[in-house]
Protein backbone atom coordinates (compact mmCIF):
# COMPACT_ATOMS: atom_id res chain seq x y z
CA MET A 1 -18.25 5.25 -25.71
CA SER A 2 -18.33 1.92 -23.94
CA GLU A 3 -20.47 -0.92 -25.27
CA LEU A 4 -21.94 -4.02 -23.62
CA ARG A 5 -22.07 -7.26 -25.62
CA TRP A 6 -23.63 -10.61 -24.71
CA GLY A 7 -22.54 -13.99 -26.11
CA PRO A 8 -24.87 -17.03 -26.16
CA VAL A 9 -22.14 -19.68 -25.69
CA ASP A 10 -20.78 -18.62 -22.28
CA GLN A 11 -23.90 -16.51 -21.57
CA GLN A 12 -21.93 -13.60 -20.22
CA TRP A 13 -21.90 -9.87 -20.77
CA VAL A 14 -18.56 -8.27 -21.70
CA ILE A 15 -17.73 -4.58 -21.35
CA PHE A 16 -15.76 -3.06 -24.23
CA ALA A 17 -14.18 0.19 -23.02
CA PRO A 18 -11.59 1.42 -25.55
CA GLU A 19 -10.77 4.49 -23.47
CA ARG A 20 -9.24 2.22 -20.80
CA ALA A 21 -6.70 0.73 -23.22
CA GLY A 22 -3.96 3.02 -21.94
CA LEU A 23 -4.25 1.57 -18.46
CA PHE A 24 -2.67 -1.65 -19.65
CA LEU A 25 0.23 -0.11 -21.56
CA THR A 26 3.28 0.22 -19.31
CA THR A 27 4.63 3.03 -21.47
CA THR A 28 1.78 5.34 -20.45
CA PRO A 29 3.34 7.47 -17.69
CA ASP A 30 0.22 8.82 -15.97
CA VAL A 31 -1.29 5.41 -15.24
CA ARG A 32 1.73 3.68 -13.73
CA VAL A 33 1.61 2.71 -10.07
CA ALA A 34 1.94 6.00 -8.20
CA GLU A 35 4.61 5.41 -5.54
CA ASP A 36 5.22 9.13 -5.14
CA PRO A 37 2.47 11.02 -3.26
CA ALA A 38 3.32 14.12 -5.26
CA SER A 39 2.00 12.47 -8.43
CA CYS A 40 -0.68 10.23 -6.90
CA PRO A 41 -4.10 11.15 -8.36
CA LEU A 42 -5.86 10.01 -5.17
CA CYS A 43 -3.90 12.17 -2.71
CA PRO A 44 -5.81 15.22 -1.41
CA HIS A 45 -3.75 17.90 -3.17
CA ASN A 46 -4.32 16.23 -6.56
CA VAL A 47 -7.82 14.80 -6.28
CA GLU A 48 -9.33 18.06 -5.06
CA ALA A 49 -8.07 19.86 -8.15
CA ALA A 50 -8.78 17.28 -10.83
CA ALA A 51 -11.51 14.83 -9.86
CA LYS A 52 -15.26 15.21 -9.79
CA THR A 53 -16.36 14.56 -6.21
CA ILE A 54 -19.46 12.39 -5.93
CA TYR A 55 -19.54 11.91 -2.15
CA ARG A 56 -17.41 12.76 0.86
CA HIS A 57 -17.39 11.61 4.48
CA PRO A 58 -17.83 13.51 6.63
CA HIS A 59 -19.87 15.99 4.63
CA ASP A 60 -18.51 19.02 6.50
CA GLY A 61 -14.91 19.85 7.22
CA GLU A 62 -11.88 17.86 6.11
CA TRP A 63 -12.92 14.67 4.33
CA GLN A 64 -11.85 11.27 5.61
CA THR A 65 -13.11 9.19 2.71
CA ARG A 66 -14.10 10.49 -0.70
CA VAL A 67 -15.80 9.09 -3.79
CA VAL A 68 -14.77 10.33 -7.23
CA ALA A 69 -15.57 9.32 -10.76
CA ASN A 70 -13.03 6.92 -12.24
CA ARG A 71 -10.71 8.70 -14.67
CA TYR A 72 -10.93 5.75 -17.06
CA PRO A 73 -14.49 4.51 -16.57
CA ALA A 74 -15.57 1.12 -17.84
CA LEU A 75 -19.15 2.45 -18.02
CA HIS A 76 -20.65 5.95 -18.25
CA ILE A 77 -23.60 7.29 -16.29
CA GLU A 78 -24.86 9.40 -19.21
CA GLY A 79 -27.05 8.11 -22.02
CA ASP A 80 -29.69 5.54 -22.81
CA LEU A 81 -29.17 1.78 -22.90
CA GLN A 82 -30.74 1.19 -26.34
CA PRO A 83 -30.57 -2.65 -26.20
CA THR A 84 -30.22 -4.15 -29.66
CA GLY A 85 -30.21 -7.65 -31.12
CA VAL A 86 -27.37 -8.44 -33.55
CA GLY A 87 -28.31 -11.84 -34.94
CA LEU A 88 -27.60 -14.34 -32.15
CA TYR A 89 -25.92 -11.63 -30.11
CA ASP A 90 -27.08 -8.71 -28.00
CA LYS A 91 -25.54 -5.35 -27.30
CA MET A 92 -26.39 -2.04 -25.65
CA ASN A 93 -24.67 1.21 -24.84
CA GLY A 94 -22.11 1.11 -22.05
CA VAL A 95 -24.31 2.85 -19.50
CA GLY A 96 -23.58 2.37 -15.81
CA ALA A 97 -21.36 3.89 -13.14
CA HIS A 98 -17.68 3.50 -12.25
CA GLU A 99 -16.55 5.17 -9.04
CA VAL A 100 -13.47 5.17 -6.81
CA VAL A 101 -13.73 5.24 -3.02
CA ILE A 102 -10.58 6.90 -1.65
CA GLU A 103 -10.32 5.17 1.72
CA THR A 104 -7.95 7.59 3.42
CA ARG A 105 -6.16 10.88 2.88
CA ASP A 106 -2.86 9.19 3.80
CA HIS A 107 -1.04 7.81 0.77
CA ALA A 108 0.99 5.28 2.77
CA ARG A 109 -1.74 3.60 4.86
CA PRO A 110 -3.38 0.44 3.46
CA LEU A 111 -6.86 -0.60 4.54
CA ALA A 112 -5.54 -3.06 7.15
CA ALA A 113 -3.63 -0.21 8.85
CA LEU A 114 -6.70 1.97 9.28
CA SER A 115 -8.50 2.05 12.60
CA VAL A 116 -11.86 0.33 13.06
CA ALA A 117 -13.54 3.76 13.03
CA GLU A 118 -11.82 4.64 9.74
CA ILE A 119 -12.78 1.33 8.14
CA SER A 120 -16.34 1.90 9.36
CA ALA A 121 -16.29 5.23 7.52
CA VAL A 122 -15.20 3.47 4.33
CA LEU A 123 -18.02 0.95 4.71
CA ALA A 124 -20.54 3.70 5.46
CA THR A 125 -19.43 5.45 2.28
CA CYS A 126 -19.94 2.26 0.26
CA ARG A 127 -23.37 1.84 1.83
CA ALA A 128 -24.32 5.41 0.91
CA ARG A 129 -23.22 4.92 -2.70
CA LEU A 130 -25.08 1.62 -2.93
CA VAL A 131 -28.29 3.29 -1.79
CA ASP A 132 -27.87 6.23 -4.14
CA LEU A 133 -26.99 4.20 -7.26
CA ARG A 134 -30.06 2.03 -6.75
CA ARG A 135 -32.20 5.12 -7.31
CA ASP A 136 -31.20 4.94 -10.98
CA LEU A 137 -33.78 2.60 -12.51
CA ARG A 138 -31.41 1.72 -15.36
CA LEU A 139 -29.02 -0.02 -12.98
CA ARG A 140 -29.69 -3.56 -11.79
CA TYR A 141 -26.61 -4.49 -9.73
CA VAL A 142 -23.87 -2.65 -7.83
CA THR A 143 -20.50 -4.39 -7.45
CA ILE A 144 -18.23 -3.14 -4.65
CA PHE A 145 -14.71 -4.53 -4.91
CA LYS A 146 -11.08 -3.86 -4.01
CA ASN A 147 -7.78 -4.61 -5.74
CA HIS A 148 -4.76 -4.56 -3.41
CA GLY A 149 -1.32 -5.00 -4.96
CA SER A 150 -0.30 -5.01 -8.61
CA ASP A 151 -0.78 -8.79 -8.95
CA ALA A 152 -4.41 -8.25 -7.93
CA GLY A 153 -4.94 -5.56 -10.56
CA ALA A 154 -4.25 -2.42 -8.51
CA LEU A 155 -2.71 0.32 -10.63
CA LEU A 156 -2.31 2.75 -7.73
CA THR A 157 -0.85 2.14 -4.28
CA HIS A 158 -3.08 4.69 -2.53
CA SER A 159 -5.69 2.56 -0.78
CA HIS A 160 -9.03 2.60 -2.58
CA THR A 161 -12.11 0.56 -3.35
CA GLN A 162 -14.05 0.63 -6.61
CA ILE A 163 -17.76 0.55 -7.39
CA ILE A 164 -19.21 -0.48 -10.75
CA ALA A 165 -22.96 -0.44 -11.32
CA THR A 166 -24.30 -2.39 -14.31
CA PRO A 167 -27.66 -2.46 -16.10
CA PHE A 168 -27.82 -6.24 -15.58
CA ILE A 169 -26.91 -8.72 -12.83
CA PRO A 170 -23.47 -10.15 -13.73
CA THR A 171 -23.12 -13.88 -14.37
CA LEU A 172 -21.45 -14.93 -11.11
CA PRO A 173 -23.72 -12.96 -8.75
CA ARG A 174 -26.76 -14.12 -10.74
CA ALA A 175 -25.68 -17.77 -10.41
CA GLU A 176 -25.19 -17.32 -6.65
CA LEU A 177 -28.57 -15.61 -6.28
CA THR A 178 -30.24 -18.35 -8.33
CA HIS A 179 -28.65 -21.15 -6.28
CA ALA A 180 -29.79 -19.47 -3.07
CA ARG A 181 -33.33 -19.11 -4.42
CA ASP A 182 -33.44 -22.75 -5.57
CA HIS A 183 -32.22 -23.93 -2.17
CA PHE A 184 -34.97 -21.95 -0.46
CA VAL A 185 -37.65 -23.28 -2.83
CA HIS A 186 -36.68 -26.87 -2.02
CA LYS A 187 -35.87 -26.56 1.68
CA GLU A 188 -37.43 -23.30 2.85
CA ARG A 189 -34.13 -22.32 4.44
CA CYS A 190 -31.41 -19.84 3.57
CA LEU A 191 -28.50 -21.59 1.85
CA PHE A 192 -25.95 -19.37 3.56
CA CYS A 193 -27.48 -19.88 7.01
CA ASP A 194 -27.16 -23.62 6.36
CA VAL A 195 -23.49 -23.11 5.43
CA LEU A 196 -22.87 -21.18 8.65
CA HIS A 197 -24.55 -23.91 10.69
CA GLN A 198 -22.34 -26.52 9.02
CA GLU A 199 -19.17 -24.52 9.72
CA GLU A 200 -20.18 -24.04 13.36
CA ILE A 201 -20.63 -27.79 13.81
CA HIS A 202 -17.20 -28.72 12.44
CA SER A 203 -15.35 -25.47 13.30
CA LYS A 204 -12.11 -26.55 11.55
CA ARG A 205 -12.56 -23.91 8.87
CA VAL A 206 -13.67 -21.12 11.22
CA VAL A 207 -11.04 -18.41 11.67
CA ARG A 208 -12.94 -16.05 13.96
CA ASP A 209 -16.43 -15.89 15.47
CA ASP A 210 -17.53 -12.87 17.49
CA ASP A 211 -21.29 -13.66 17.63
CA ALA A 212 -21.99 -10.89 15.08
CA TYR A 213 -19.78 -11.98 12.17
CA ILE A 214 -18.11 -15.25 11.37
CA THR A 215 -14.88 -15.46 9.36
CA PHE A 216 -14.14 -18.80 7.70
CA CYS A 217 -12.43 -20.58 4.81
CA ARG A 218 -15.14 -22.22 2.77
CA PHE A 219 -15.29 -25.97 2.21
CA ALA A 220 -14.68 -26.02 -1.57
CA SER A 221 -12.62 -22.87 -1.98
CA PRO A 222 -11.00 -22.63 -5.43
CA ASN A 223 -8.35 -20.22 -4.11
CA PRO A 224 -5.76 -20.81 -1.36
CA PHE A 225 -6.48 -18.84 1.82
CA GLU A 226 -9.79 -17.54 0.46
CA VAL A 227 -11.71 -16.01 3.37
CA TRP A 228 -15.40 -15.19 3.72
CA ILE A 229 -16.91 -12.85 6.31
CA MET A 230 -20.63 -13.29 6.88
CA PRO A 231 -23.12 -11.89 9.38
CA ARG A 232 -24.38 -14.57 11.74
CA ARG A 233 -27.84 -12.99 11.76
CA HIS A 234 -29.72 -13.48 8.50
CA GLN A 235 -29.40 -10.26 6.45
CA HIS A 236 -29.97 -10.12 2.71
CA ASP A 237 -28.90 -6.56 1.94
CA PHE A 238 -25.74 -4.66 2.91
CA ALA A 239 -27.61 -1.39 2.33
CA LEU A 240 -29.76 -2.06 5.43
CA LEU A 241 -26.86 -2.21 7.91
CA THR A 242 -26.90 0.20 10.82
CA ASP A 243 -23.83 2.18 11.90
CA GLY A 244 -23.43 -0.27 14.77
CA ASP A 245 -23.47 -3.18 12.33
CA LEU A 246 -20.78 -1.45 10.26
CA THR A 247 -18.51 -1.04 13.28
CA LEU A 248 -18.73 -4.75 14.08
CA PHE A 249 -18.16 -5.62 10.42
CA ALA A 250 -15.17 -3.26 10.26
CA THR A 251 -13.68 -5.06 13.27
CA ALA A 252 -14.04 -8.44 11.55
CA LEU A 253 -12.64 -7.10 8.26
CA LYS A 254 -9.59 -5.53 9.90
CA ASP A 255 -8.95 -8.73 11.84
CA ALA A 256 -9.09 -10.85 8.67
CA LEU A 257 -6.73 -8.56 6.75
CA LEU A 258 -4.23 -8.48 9.61
CA ARG A 259 -4.27 -12.28 9.85
CA LEU A 260 -3.67 -12.62 6.10
CA ASN A 261 -0.83 -10.10 6.34
CA ALA A 262 0.76 -11.99 9.22
CA VAL A 263 0.58 -15.38 7.52
CA LEU A 264 1.21 -14.38 3.91
CA ASP A 265 3.34 -11.21 4.33
CA ASP A 266 0.92 -8.61 2.93
CA PRO A 267 -0.30 -10.57 -0.10
CA PRO A 268 -2.00 -9.04 -3.12
CA TYR A 269 -5.71 -9.65 -2.78
CA ASN A 270 -9.13 -8.86 -4.15
CA PHE A 271 -12.31 -8.59 -2.19
CA ALA A 272 -15.89 -8.41 -3.37
CA LEU A 273 -19.00 -7.49 -1.43
CA LYS A 274 -21.86 -9.75 -2.48
CA THR A 275 -25.29 -8.33 -1.72
CA ALA A 276 -28.85 -8.31 -3.00
CA PRO A 277 -29.63 -6.79 -6.41
CA SER A 278 -31.60 -3.58 -6.84
CA PRO A 279 -35.01 -3.88 -5.15
CA ASN A 280 -36.69 -1.78 -7.86
CA PRO A 281 -39.37 -3.82 -9.66
CA ARG A 282 -38.81 -4.49 -13.37
CA PRO A 283 -41.62 -3.72 -15.81
CA GLY A 284 -43.32 -6.95 -16.86
CA ARG A 285 -41.33 -9.04 -14.33
CA PRO A 286 -42.83 -8.25 -10.91
CA ASN A 287 -41.79 -11.57 -9.36
CA ASP A 288 -38.04 -11.30 -9.97
CA TRP A 289 -36.25 -12.29 -6.75
CA ALA A 290 -39.55 -12.30 -4.84
CA THR A 291 -38.03 -14.34 -1.98
CA ILE A 292 -34.70 -12.44 -1.82
CA GLU A 293 -35.28 -11.28 1.77
CA LEU A 294 -35.59 -14.90 2.86
CA ASP A 295 -33.14 -16.77 0.64
CA TYR A 296 -30.09 -14.51 0.24
CA HIS A 297 -27.38 -13.60 2.77
CA TRP A 298 -24.87 -10.84 2.01
CA HIS A 299 -21.18 -11.50 2.64
CA LEU A 300 -17.64 -10.40 1.79
CA GLU A 301 -15.21 -12.62 -0.11
CA ILE A 302 -11.45 -12.00 0.23
CA ILE A 303 -9.17 -13.77 -2.26
CA PRO A 304 -5.36 -13.54 -1.88
CA ARG A 305 -3.72 -13.83 -5.30
CA LEU A 306 -1.23 -16.60 -4.57
CA THR A 307 -1.63 -18.79 -7.67
CA ARG A 308 -2.33 -18.16 -11.33
CA PRO A 309 -4.77 -20.21 -13.41
CA ALA A 310 -3.12 -22.08 -16.26
CA GLY A 311 -4.25 -24.23 -19.17
CA PHE A 312 -6.33 -26.82 -17.30
CA GLU A 313 -8.19 -24.20 -15.26
CA TRP A 314 -8.82 -22.09 -18.33
CA ALA A 315 -10.00 -25.05 -20.41
CA THR A 316 -12.28 -26.62 -17.81
CA GLY A 317 -13.19 -23.97 -15.25
CA ILE A 318 -11.95 -26.37 -12.55
CA ALA A 319 -9.59 -24.79 -10.02
CA ILE A 320 -6.56 -26.53 -8.53
CA ASN A 321 -6.02 -25.32 -4.96
CA PRO A 322 -2.73 -26.37 -3.26
CA THR A 323 -3.96 -25.53 0.26
CA THR A 324 -6.96 -27.09 1.97
CA PRO A 325 -9.30 -24.64 3.73
CA GLU A 326 -8.73 -26.54 6.99
CA THR A 327 -4.98 -25.87 6.75
CA ALA A 328 -5.50 -22.24 5.78
CA ALA A 329 -7.92 -21.67 8.65
CA ASP A 330 -5.49 -23.23 11.12
CA TYR A 331 -2.70 -20.87 10.05
CA LEU A 332 -5.02 -17.86 10.21
CA ARG A 333 -6.41 -18.79 13.63
CA ARG A 334 -2.89 -19.00 15.06
CA ALA A 335 -1.73 -15.74 13.42
C-alpha cells in the first residue's frame, strides 16, 4: 500500500509507492519501452483484455480515447486517509487516483500528429475525468500531465497522458495559487491577466496569439524553450471549458507542439495543466481559496527536456537556462 509522508524542512509531501519499484529496473521486461505494438499495453488488443476501463470517448462504438487505471499506481482509490502525526512528521495512507489517458488507438501517432478534433477529444476526456474525480471529497487536487520521450520519464511510446489526484494540494501548485491570491489581495487584479498584458505590450516572447489563446515563453523561464498556453479571457477552471473552447485550445496546443518539433527535432517534453483546486468546501475552513474565481487563471506549461539540473541547481534551487525566452520565442515564431 502506498503511503504519503510530509517533512517540515522542505514542507513537501512525498509519495512512497513500493509497488512501482519495478518500473525503474531495466531488467524488468514488461515495463520496458514498448516499441512493438504487439506487446504494447496501451494498444487496443491488449488494453481491452487487461485494463480496467474508467472512461471512453465516444461512449458508444469504437473508442477514440480511453482512460484506464495505471498498472503501477502511485496512489490507490480504495481506503481511508487516516492522517497521523509521527513526532515532527505527518503521514497518511496513499489514497488518491492514478489514471492513464490513452490518446489514440494508433500506436505510432504522437499527440502532435493527431488532428485538432482528436486532440479536442483527448482534452474533453481530461475534462470529464477532472469533473468526476472532484466528486470524491477525499481528493483536493487533480494533476493532469504528460511525459513524452524517455528523457522526460515516458516508459511507453504509445501516446498517453496521466492523471494523479491527491488528498492535498501539491507544493508547487499551492505556491502558485497563493501567489495569485496575494497579488489579487494587494492589487485587485488577476496576476496572470497582468502577465498577459505585459507580454502583449512587449510581444518579443509571444509565439502565437489567436485572440482566444496566447502562446508565449515566459520572462523568467527556468527551462530553455519552455512554452505556456493561456486563455486570453479570464478563466480560473479548466473544468468549465465548453467544447468550442476545447477546439480552440486543441488548435493552440497542436501548433505549439509542431513548432517545438520543427525547431528542436521532436524533443522529449513534459506538460502540466495547471487549474483551480477542488471547489468542494473543507470542514472548518470555509474560506479556503474564496477569491479563486477572480485571482487564478488556468494554463498549460510545456517543458522540453533539453538540460539536466546539476549540483548548483540541486543545492540552491536556482536554474541556469542557456537560452533566453526572447531567443526561444523568435525561433518558434519562425518555425
